[in-house]
Amino acid sequence: MRDSQDDLTVELPVGKTPQKRGRKPQNPVLGAMDAATRKREQRARQATAIYERDSHEWTDTECLSVLTGKQWRGGAIDQAAWEQLGKLRGFS
């Protein structure tokens, strides 16, 4: 809005508002995820990948996830993770 007596101020163009920066949320209804939700979903995806694939197909990250997780400690999955991690890093 401009004063009618003012002839020195330039009128600003009214157009489209600039778009928001960043990546659009995957689920626009829920909005963007916070860090805790994103990490929780990452852990769930990782756990399903561990259970669904054979131990010789696990990646370095999945092996470390098994070795740091309490739910797999002391079992056959734990031993398989040690063996696969040794193969990936060239120890065996």
C-alpha atoms as a PDB file:
ATOM      1  CA  MET A   1       0.000   0.000   0.000  1.00  0.00           C
ATOM      2  CA  ARG A   2       1.345   3.380  -0.966  1.00  0.00           C
ATOM      3  CA  ASP A   3       0.442   6.912  -0.042  1.00  0.00           C
ATOM      4  CA  SER A   4      -1.356   8.713  -2.888  1.00  0.00           C
ATOM      5  CA  GLN A   5       0.801  11.826  -2.331  1.00  0.00           C
ATOM      6  CA  ASP A   6       4.066   9.877  -2.637  1.00  0.00           C
ATOM      7  CA  ASP A   7       5.442   9.826  -6.185  1.00  0.00           C
ATOM      8  CA  LEU A   8       9.026   8.784  -5.346  1.00  0.00           C
ATOM      9  CA  THR A   9       8.364   5.286  -3.985  1.00  0.00           C
ATOM     10  CA  VAL A  10       8.175   2.547  -6.573  1.00  0.00           C
ATOM     11  CA  GLU A  11       5.209   0.202  -6.467  1.00  0.00           C
ATOM     12  CA  LEU A  12       6.272  -3.357  -5.754  1.00  0.00           C
ATOM     13  CA  PRO A  13       5.029  -5.980  -8.188  1.00  0.00           C
ATOM     14  CA  VAL A  14       2.447  -8.327  -6.737  1.00  0.00           C
ATOM     15  CA  GLY A  15       2.893 -11.771  -8.166  1.00  0.00           C
ATOM     16  CA  LYS A  16       3.350 -15.338  -7.143  1.00  0.00           C
ATOM     17  CA  THR A  17       4.959 -15.925  -3.789  1.00  0.00           C
ATOM     18  CA  PRO A  18       8.289 -17.746  -3.914  1.00  0.00           C
ATOM     19  CA  GLN A  19       8.176 -21.481  -3.361  1.00  0.00           C
ATOM     20  CA  LYS A  20       9.438 -22.994  -0.139  1.00  0.00           C
ATOM     21  CA  ARG A  21      12.982 -24.256  -0.148  1.00  0.00           C
ATOM     22  CA  GLY A  22      13.935 -27.868   0.291  1.00  0.00           C
ATOM     23  CA  ARG A  23      12.507 -31.196  -0.568  1.00  0.00           C
ATOM     24  CA  LYS A  24       8.761 -31.763  -0.491  1.00  0.00           C
ATOM     25  CA  PRO A  25       7.538 -34.137   2.225  1.00  0.00           C
ATOM     26  CA  GLN A  26       6.823 -37.713   1.176  1.00  0.00           C
ATOM     27  CA  ASN A  27       3.402 -37.586   2.793  1.00  0.00           C
ATOM     28  CA  PRO A  28       2.017 -34.052   2.302  1.00  0.00           C
ATOM     29  CA  VAL A  29      -0.974 -34.763   4.543  1.00  0.00           C
ATOM     30  CA  LEU A  30       1.224 -35.447   7.566  1.00  0.00           C
ATOM     31  CA  GLY A  31       3.864 -32.879   6.672  1.00  0.00           C
ATOM     32  CA  ALA A  32       7.592 -33.154   7.173  1.00  0.00           C
ATOM     33  CA  MET A  33       8.960 -35.778   9.554  1.00  0.00           C
ATOM     34  CA  ASP A  34      11.041 -34.822  12.517  1.00  0.00           C
ATOM     35  CA  ALA A  35      14.459 -36.392  13.018  1.00  0.00           C
ATOM     36  CA  ALA A  36      13.268 -38.980  15.534  1.00  0.00           C
ATOM     37  CA  THR A  37      10.537 -40.279  13.224  1.00  0.00           C
ATOM     38  CA  ARG A  38      12.904 -40.428  10.274  1.00  0.00           C
ATOM     39  CA  LYS A  39      15.479 -42.390  12.314  1.00  0.00           C
ATOM     40  CA  ARG A  40      12.795 -44.753  13.653  1.00  0.00           C
ATOM     41  CA  GLU A  41      11.706 -45.565  10.109  1.00  0.00           C
ATOM     42  CA  GLN A  42      15.328 -46.054   9.046  1.00  0.00           C
ATOM     43  CA  ARG A  43      15.869 -48.568  11.872  1.00  0.00           C
ATOM     44  CA  ALA A  44      12.689 -50.422  10.908  1.00  0.00           C
ATOM     45  CA  ARG A  45      13.800 -50.621   7.241  1.00  0.00           C
ATOM     46  CA  GLN A  46      17.208 -51.848   8.341  1.00  0.00           C
ATOM     47  CA  ALA A  47      15.721 -54.547  10.610  1.00  0.00           C
ATOM     48  CA  THR A  48      13.481 -55.849   7.822  1.00  0.00           C
ATOM     49  CA  ALA A  49      16.468 -55.928   5.444  1.00  0.00           C
ATOM     50  CA  ILE A  50      18.429 -57.958   7.998  1.00  0.00           C
ATOM     51  CA  TYR A  51      15.631 -60.492   8.467  1.00  0.00           C
ATOM     52  CA  GLU A  52      14.723 -60.796   4.781  1.00  0.00           C
ATOM     53  CA  ARG A  53      18.191 -61.225   3.280  1.00  0.00           C
ATOM     54  CA  ASP A  54      20.855 -63.857   3.830  1.00  0.00           C
ATOM     55  CA  SER A  55      23.787 -62.920   6.043  1.00  0.00           C
ATOM     56  CA  HIS A  56      26.282 -63.049   3.161  1.00  0.00           C
ATOM     57  CA  GLU A  57      24.308 -60.233   1.434  1.00  0.00           C
ATOM     58  CA  TRP A  58      24.424 -57.814   4.388  1.00  0.00           C
ATOM     59  CA  THR A  59      26.214 -54.506   4.010  1.00  0.00           C
ATOM     60  CA  ASP A  60      28.714 -53.005   6.422  1.00  0.00           C
ATOM     61  CA  THR A  61      26.015 -50.815   7.960  1.00  0.00           C
ATOM     62  CA  GLU A  62      23.654 -53.712   8.519  1.00  0.00           C
ATOM     63  CA  CYS A  63      26.381 -55.776  10.183  1.00  0.00           C
ATOM     64  CA  LEU A  64      27.218 -52.915  12.524  1.00  0.00           C
ATOM     65  CA  SER A  65      23.536 -52.472  13.299  1.00  0.00           C
ATOM     66  CA  VAL A  66      23.276 -56.127  14.312  1.00  0.00           C
ATOM     67  CA  LEU A  67      26.403 -55.927  16.450  1.00  0.00           C
ATOM     68  CA  THR A  68      25.240 -52.811  18.293  1.00  0.00           C
ATOM     69  CA  GLY A  69      21.632 -53.927  18.745  1.00  0.00           C
ATOM     70  CA  LYS A  70      20.614 -55.629  21.979  1.00  0.00           C
ATOM     71  CA  GLN A  71      17.894 -57.762  20.385  1.00  0.00           C
ATOM     72  CA  TRP A  72      20.423 -59.794  18.347  1.00  0.00           C
ATOM     73  CA  ARG A  73      23.147 -60.138  20.956  1.00  0.00           C
ATOM     74  CA  GLY A  74      24.521 -63.642  21.545  1.00  0.00           C
ATOM     75  CA  GLY A  75      22.570 -65.397  18.806  1.00  0.00           C
ATOM     76  CA  ALA A  76      23.192 -66.879  15.395  1.00  0.00           C
ATOM     77  CA  ILE A  77      22.526 -63.518  13.730  1.00  0.00           C
ATOM     78  CA  ASP A  78      25.238 -61.936  15.869  1.00  0.00           C
ATOM     79  CA  GLN A  79      27.781 -64.552  14.781  1.00  0.00           C
ATOM     80  CA  ALA A  80      26.766 -64.189  11.131  1.00  0.00           C
ATOM     81  CA  ALA A  81      27.218 -60.427  11.366  1.00  0.00           C
ATOM     82  CA  TRP A  82      30.769 -60.876  12.743  1.00  0.00           C
ATOM     83  CA  GLU A  83      31.653 -63.235   9.909  1.00  0.00           C
ATOM     84  CA  GLN A  84      30.182 -61.002   7.201  1.00  0.00           C
ATOM     85  CA  LEU A  85      31.857 -57.910   8.626  1.00  0.00           C
ATOM     86  CA  GLY A  86      35.180 -59.763   8.608  1.00  0.00           C
ATOM     87  CA  LYS A  87      34.672 -60.673   4.947  1.00  0.00           C
ATOM     88  CA  LEU A  88      33.690 -57.130   3.987  1.00  0.00           C
ATOM     89  CA  ARG A  89      36.696 -55.599   5.718  1.00  0.00           C
ATOM     90  CA  GLY A  90      39.115 -58.264   4.509  1.00  0.00           C
ATOM     91  CA  PHE A  91      39.964 -59.918   7.835  1.00  0.00           C
ATOM     92  CA  SER A  92      39.001 -63.460   6.864  1.00  0.00           C
END
